[in-house]
Amino acid sequence: MAVDLHIHSTISDGTRTPEEIVATATQRGLYAISITDHDDVAGVARAQRAAADELLVLPGVEVSTDLHDAEVHILGYLIDCQNEPLLAKLAQVRARRVWRAREMVKRLNSLGVSLDYAQVEQIAGEGSVGRPHVARALFDQGVVGSQAEAFRRFLHKGGPAYAPRYKLSPAEAIALIRQASGVAVVAHPGLCRDDEAVEEVLQLGISGLEAYHTSHTDLQTEKYLRMADEYGLLVTGGSDSHGPGGPIPVGVGSVDVPDAAADALVIWAKNNGGHITAIG
């Protein structure tokens, strides 16, 4: 058995519904998962209903933040998915996402690329629109040969069609998660490429570190396990799967994450008032 505590669904920028993710996780014999959509918790209750007693689904969310020149993502686990301040702030972030996507389409148009925002919106469907949806639209239009090429040519930070994104500070994201009774965890620290920034965030009230991740080498995993031990943090991990149609196709359960990662979160919830179910 294994766990996968970092998965994205169609509620944000994943390509599989919460129900499809649960079906896949169950088929693969996973013990626990967490739906950690970007800036949205709407998929948690759906996944829990689909899982019933077959699979443990822990509430989760992923929030992007900026610290100096580094982008640091914060995972929130065991949150109260009905918490009004949390829902209001996430709704604000999603609204800013729409503005950003529209702006990227405008910049693509100025480059001579024929693309309409309605195409991006249709691809996003129920999800929170983001760069992957613009990349998919470019691929569907035949402008690029892959979504990765879309990022490389147009959408990377500083690219010709890149538009800045509204983000919270790490301190704001941590406070938001904590007031919703959740536990804040630094996501994929290896992707930050700035350990000083990671360590600075650890001083702000972080409770965990995602040591196991698709992008981490064995040496990085060992480094972050040591860092978690040094700071007395919970250890989490996951595939960061966005489904087979995602920018980087990674399967649910593809990263070897020990069951103890989920068990530690459950124990934390029992001791600190965290929420195991979406409706608290």
Protein backbone atom coordinates (compact mmCIF):
# COMPACT_ATOMS: atom_id res chain seq x y z
CA MET A 1 0.00 0.00 0.00
CA ALA A 2 1.04 3.59 -0.54
CA VAL A 3 -0.33 7.12 -0.44
CA ASP A 4 -0.45 10.08 -2.81
CA LEU A 5 -1.03 13.39 -1.07
CA HIS A 6 -0.63 15.75 -4.03
CA ILE A 7 -3.12 15.34 -6.90
CA HIS A 8 -4.90 17.85 -9.15
CA SER A 9 -8.34 17.32 -10.65
CA THR A 10 -10.48 19.07 -13.27
CA ILE A 11 -11.54 21.46 -10.50
CA SER A 12 -8.25 23.28 -11.14
CA ASP A 13 -5.85 22.28 -13.93
CA GLY A 14 -5.98 18.49 -13.83
CA THR A 15 -7.42 16.37 -16.62
CA ARG A 16 -9.33 13.83 -14.53
CA THR A 17 -12.37 14.41 -12.35
CA PRO A 18 -12.21 13.80 -8.59
CA GLU A 19 -14.29 10.64 -9.14
CA GLU A 20 -11.90 9.33 -11.82
CA ILE A 21 -8.93 9.98 -9.55
CA VAL A 22 -10.58 8.01 -6.76
CA ALA A 23 -11.28 5.13 -9.14
CA THR A 24 -7.65 5.07 -10.27
CA ALA A 25 -6.30 5.26 -6.72
CA THR A 26 -8.60 2.43 -5.62
CA GLN A 27 -7.59 0.25 -8.56
CA ARG A 28 -3.94 0.77 -7.68
CA GLY A 29 -4.56 -0.20 -4.07
CA LEU A 30 -3.62 3.11 -2.52
CA TYR A 31 -4.35 3.63 1.15
CA ALA A 32 -4.88 7.41 1.11
CA ILE A 33 -4.89 10.37 -1.26
CA SER A 34 -5.43 14.11 -1.10
CA ILE A 35 -7.00 16.27 -3.79
CA THR A 36 -4.89 19.44 -3.69
CA ASP A 37 -6.34 21.61 -6.42
CA HIS A 38 -4.97 25.08 -7.01
CA ASP A 39 -6.96 27.66 -5.05
CA ASP A 40 -10.11 25.51 -4.84
CA VAL A 41 -11.51 22.88 -2.48
CA ALA A 42 -14.65 21.95 -4.43
CA GLY A 43 -13.24 18.57 -5.45
CA VAL A 44 -12.64 17.31 -1.93
CA ALA A 45 -16.23 16.43 -1.01
CA ARG A 46 -16.79 14.87 -4.44
CA ALA A 47 -13.75 12.64 -4.00
CA GLN A 48 -14.78 11.66 -0.49
CA ARG A 49 -18.27 10.70 -1.64
CA ALA A 50 -16.81 8.61 -4.46
CA ALA A 51 -14.32 6.93 -2.14
CA ALA A 52 -16.85 5.98 0.55
CA ASP A 53 -15.04 3.47 2.77
CA GLU A 54 -12.66 2.22 0.05
CA LEU A 55 -10.07 4.97 0.32
CA LEU A 56 -9.03 7.69 2.76
CA VAL A 57 -9.34 11.12 1.08
CA LEU A 58 -7.81 13.95 3.10
CA PRO A 59 -8.92 17.56 2.45
CA GLY A 60 -6.27 19.61 0.68
CA VAL A 61 -5.50 22.70 -1.38
CA GLU A 62 -2.42 24.21 -3.04
CA VAL A 63 -1.71 27.94 -2.91
CA SER A 64 1.03 29.68 -4.92
CA THR A 65 3.07 32.35 -3.17
CA ASP A 66 6.06 34.56 -3.94
CA LEU A 67 9.01 35.24 -1.66
CA HIS A 68 11.61 37.60 -3.08
CA ASP A 69 12.43 36.08 -6.49
CA ALA A 70 11.32 32.55 -5.56
CA GLU A 71 7.95 30.94 -6.14
CA VAL A 72 6.94 28.84 -3.14
CA HIS A 73 3.82 26.70 -3.20
CA ILE A 74 2.04 26.00 0.07
CA LEU A 75 -0.11 22.92 0.56
CA GLY A 76 -2.92 23.10 3.09
CA TYR A 77 -4.13 19.81 4.56
CA LEU A 78 -7.01 18.95 6.90
CA ILE A 79 -8.64 22.33 6.28
CA ASP A 80 -12.25 23.14 7.01
CA CYS A 81 -13.59 23.27 3.45
CA GLN A 82 -16.57 25.34 4.63
CA ASN A 83 -14.45 28.07 6.21
CA GLU A 84 -15.80 31.37 4.85
CA PRO A 85 -12.58 33.45 4.95
CA LEU A 86 -10.75 30.63 3.18
CA LEU A 87 -13.42 30.30 0.48
CA ALA A 88 -13.59 34.07 -0.04
CA LYS A 89 -9.84 34.44 -0.50
CA LEU A 90 -9.62 31.45 -2.85
CA ALA A 91 -12.48 32.90 -4.92
CA GLN A 92 -10.55 36.18 -5.18
CA VAL A 93 -7.44 34.35 -6.38
CA ARG A 94 -9.45 32.43 -8.99
CA ALA A 95 -10.96 35.68 -10.27
CA ARG A 96 -7.47 37.06 -10.76
CA ARG A 97 -6.62 33.88 -12.68
CA VAL A 98 -9.33 34.72 -15.21
CA TRP A 99 -7.84 38.19 -15.73
CA ARG A 100 -4.41 36.63 -16.24
CA ALA A 101 -5.62 34.10 -18.80
CA ARG A 102 -7.39 36.83 -20.76
CA GLU A 103 -4.23 38.92 -20.69
CA MET A 104 -2.11 36.04 -22.00
CA VAL A 105 -4.56 35.54 -24.87
CA LYS A 106 -4.29 39.25 -25.70
CA ARG A 107 -0.50 39.02 -25.74
CA LEU A 108 -0.63 35.94 -27.97
CA ASN A 109 -2.95 37.80 -30.34
CA SER A 110 -0.45 40.68 -30.49
CA LEU A 111 2.18 38.14 -31.55
CA GLY A 112 0.00 37.07 -34.46
CA VAL A 113 -1.38 33.93 -32.82
CA SER A 114 -5.08 33.46 -33.53
CA LEU A 115 -6.65 32.38 -30.25
CA ASP A 116 -9.89 33.29 -28.51
CA TYR A 117 -10.39 33.31 -24.76
CA ALA A 118 -13.58 31.28 -25.23
CA GLN A 119 -11.41 28.38 -26.41
CA VAL A 120 -9.37 28.54 -23.22
CA GLU A 121 -12.52 28.80 -21.12
CA GLN A 122 -14.02 25.74 -22.83
CA ILE A 123 -10.89 23.68 -22.11
CA ALA A 124 -10.86 24.77 -18.46
CA GLY A 125 -14.48 23.66 -18.08
CA GLU A 126 -15.35 23.56 -14.40
CA GLY A 127 -11.74 24.12 -13.48
CA SER A 128 -9.93 27.24 -12.33
CA VAL A 129 -8.38 28.62 -15.52
CA GLY A 130 -4.60 28.76 -15.71
CA ARG A 131 -1.57 28.59 -17.98
CA PRO A 132 -2.01 24.85 -18.70
CA HIS A 133 -5.37 25.61 -20.27
CA VAL A 134 -3.83 28.29 -22.51
CA ALA A 135 -1.09 25.81 -23.42
CA ARG A 136 -3.68 23.18 -24.29
CA ALA A 137 -5.55 25.68 -26.48
CA LEU A 138 -2.34 26.45 -28.36
CA PHE A 139 -1.77 22.73 -28.87
CA ASP A 140 -5.33 22.15 -30.04
CA GLN A 141 -4.93 25.01 -32.52
CA GLY A 142 -1.78 23.43 -33.91
CA VAL A 143 0.34 26.42 -32.93
CA VAL A 144 2.66 24.15 -30.95
CA GLY A 145 3.41 20.43 -31.02
CA SER A 146 3.01 19.95 -27.27
CA GLN A 147 1.94 21.80 -24.16
CA ALA A 148 5.57 21.79 -23.06
CA GLU A 149 6.45 23.67 -26.24
CA ALA A 150 3.74 26.23 -25.45
CA PHE A 151 5.40 26.96 -22.13
CA ARG A 152 8.86 27.00 -23.67
CA ARG A 153 7.97 29.38 -26.52
CA PHE A 154 5.30 31.61 -25.04
CA LEU A 155 4.18 31.05 -21.46
CA HIS A 156 7.31 30.65 -19.30
CA LYS A 157 8.07 33.37 -16.79
CA GLY A 158 9.38 36.29 -18.81
CA GLY A 159 8.10 34.75 -22.04
CA PRO A 160 6.47 36.85 -24.79
CA ALA A 161 2.91 35.93 -23.73
CA TYR A 162 3.54 35.57 -19.99
CA ALA A 163 1.36 37.64 -17.67
CA PRO A 164 2.14 38.02 -13.96
CA ARG A 165 -0.10 36.20 -11.54
CA TYR A 166 -1.65 37.52 -8.35
CA LYS A 167 -0.19 35.59 -5.45
CA LEU A 168 -0.32 35.69 -1.71
CA SER A 169 2.80 35.95 0.39
CA PRO A 170 3.86 32.75 2.18
CA ALA A 171 2.85 34.33 5.51
CA GLU A 172 -0.64 35.12 4.15
CA ALA A 173 -1.12 31.61 2.79
CA ILE A 174 0.04 29.98 6.02
CA ALA A 175 -2.24 32.22 8.10
CA LEU A 176 -5.18 31.44 5.80
CA ILE A 177 -4.64 27.70 6.15
CA ARG A 178 -4.12 27.83 9.90
CA GLN A 179 -7.26 29.88 10.56
CA ALA A 180 -9.16 27.22 8.58
CA SER A 181 -7.87 24.64 11.12
CA GLY A 182 -5.41 23.20 8.60
CA VAL A 183 -1.75 22.29 8.52
CA ALA A 184 0.56 24.20 6.15
CA VAL A 185 3.23 22.31 4.19
CA VAL A 186 5.87 23.55 1.76
CA ALA A 187 5.24 21.84 -1.60
CA HIS A 188 8.04 20.39 -3.78
CA PRO A 189 10.85 22.48 -2.24
CA GLY A 190 13.21 21.20 -4.92
CA LEU A 191 11.29 23.14 -7.55
CA CYS A 192 11.91 26.40 -5.68
CA ARG A 193 15.60 26.10 -6.54
CA ASP A 194 16.28 28.33 -3.57
CA ASP A 195 16.86 26.56 -0.26
CA GLU A 196 17.36 29.89 1.50
CA ALA A 197 13.82 30.89 0.54
CA VAL A 198 12.51 27.50 1.68
CA GLU A 199 14.24 27.85 5.04
CA GLU A 200 12.88 31.39 5.41
CA VAL A 201 9.34 30.06 4.87
CA LEU A 202 9.96 27.37 7.48
CA GLN A 203 10.35 30.16 10.03
CA LEU A 204 6.82 31.45 9.33
CA GLY A 205 4.83 28.69 11.01
CA ILE A 206 5.06 25.88 8.47
CA SER A 207 4.22 22.47 9.91
CA GLY A 208 5.40 20.16 7.13
CA LEU A 209 7.65 19.62 4.14
CA GLU A 210 6.89 17.66 0.96
CA ALA A 211 10.01 15.52 0.75
CA TYR A 212 8.65 12.96 -1.72
CA HIS A 213 7.79 14.42 -5.13
CA THR A 214 7.93 13.54 -8.81
CA SER A 215 10.58 16.18 -9.48
CA HIS A 216 12.85 15.27 -6.57
CA THR A 217 15.95 13.16 -7.06
CA ASP A 218 16.84 10.58 -4.41
CA LEU A 219 19.45 12.99 -3.05
CA GLN A 220 16.90 15.79 -2.81
CA THR A 221 14.43 13.53 -1.03
CA GLU A 222 17.09 12.60 1.50
CA LYS A 223 18.02 16.27 1.95
CA TYR A 224 14.44 17.32 2.64
CA LEU A 225 13.86 14.39 4.96
CA ARG A 226 16.86 15.61 6.98
CA MET A 227 15.54 19.18 6.87
CA ALA A 228 12.13 18.03 8.12
CA ASP A 229 13.78 16.15 10.95
CA GLU A 230 15.94 19.15 11.84
CA TYR A 231 12.92 21.49 12.03
CA GLY A 232 10.57 18.93 13.60
CA LEU A 233 8.19 18.96 10.63
CA LEU A 234 5.65 16.53 9.24
CA VAL A 235 6.77 14.78 6.04
CA THR A 236 4.38 14.52 3.09
CA GLY A 237 4.67 13.54 -0.55
CA GLY A 238 2.83 12.89 -3.76
CA SER A 239 2.90 12.57 -7.51
CA ASP A 240 1.59 16.08 -8.28
CA SER A 241 -0.41 14.29 -10.95
CA HIS A 242 -2.44 16.42 -13.36
CA GLY A 243 -3.66 13.35 -15.24
CA PRO A 244 -2.55 11.88 -18.57
CA GLY A 245 -3.34 15.12 -20.39
CA GLY A 246 -1.34 17.32 -18.05
CA PRO A 247 1.81 19.26 -19.01
CA ILE A 248 3.90 16.45 -17.49
CA PRO A 249 1.92 13.18 -17.58
CA VAL A 250 2.42 11.62 -14.16
CA GLY A 251 0.21 8.88 -12.82
CA VAL A 252 -1.55 8.83 -9.47
CA GLY A 253 0.50 6.82 -7.01
CA SER A 254 3.66 6.99 -9.16
CA VAL A 255 5.82 8.28 -6.29
CA ASP A 256 6.73 5.95 -3.44
CA VAL A 257 5.30 7.76 -0.40
CA PRO A 258 5.08 5.81 2.87
CA ASP A 259 1.71 5.28 4.58
CA ALA A 260 3.19 6.99 7.63
CA ALA A 261 2.85 10.35 5.85
CA ALA A 262 -0.95 10.07 5.83
CA ASP A 263 -1.07 8.52 9.31
CA ALA A 264 0.89 11.45 10.74
CA LEU A 265 -1.61 13.91 9.23
CA VAL A 266 -4.53 11.99 10.72
CA ILE A 267 -2.87 12.05 14.13
CA TRP A 268 -2.20 15.78 13.73
CA ALA A 269 -5.88 16.36 12.94
CA LYS A 270 -7.01 14.49 16.03
CA ASN A 271 -4.64 16.46 18.24
CA ASN A 272 -5.09 19.89 16.65
CA GLY A 273 -8.68 20.08 15.45
CA GLY A 274 -7.95 19.47 11.78
CA HIS A 275 -10.71 18.22 9.48
CA ILE A 276 -10.70 14.70 8.07
CA THR A 277 -13.89 15.29 6.11
CA ALA A 278 -14.73 18.09 3.69
CA ILE A 279 -17.76 19.20 5.70
CA GLY A 280 -16.69 20.17 9.18
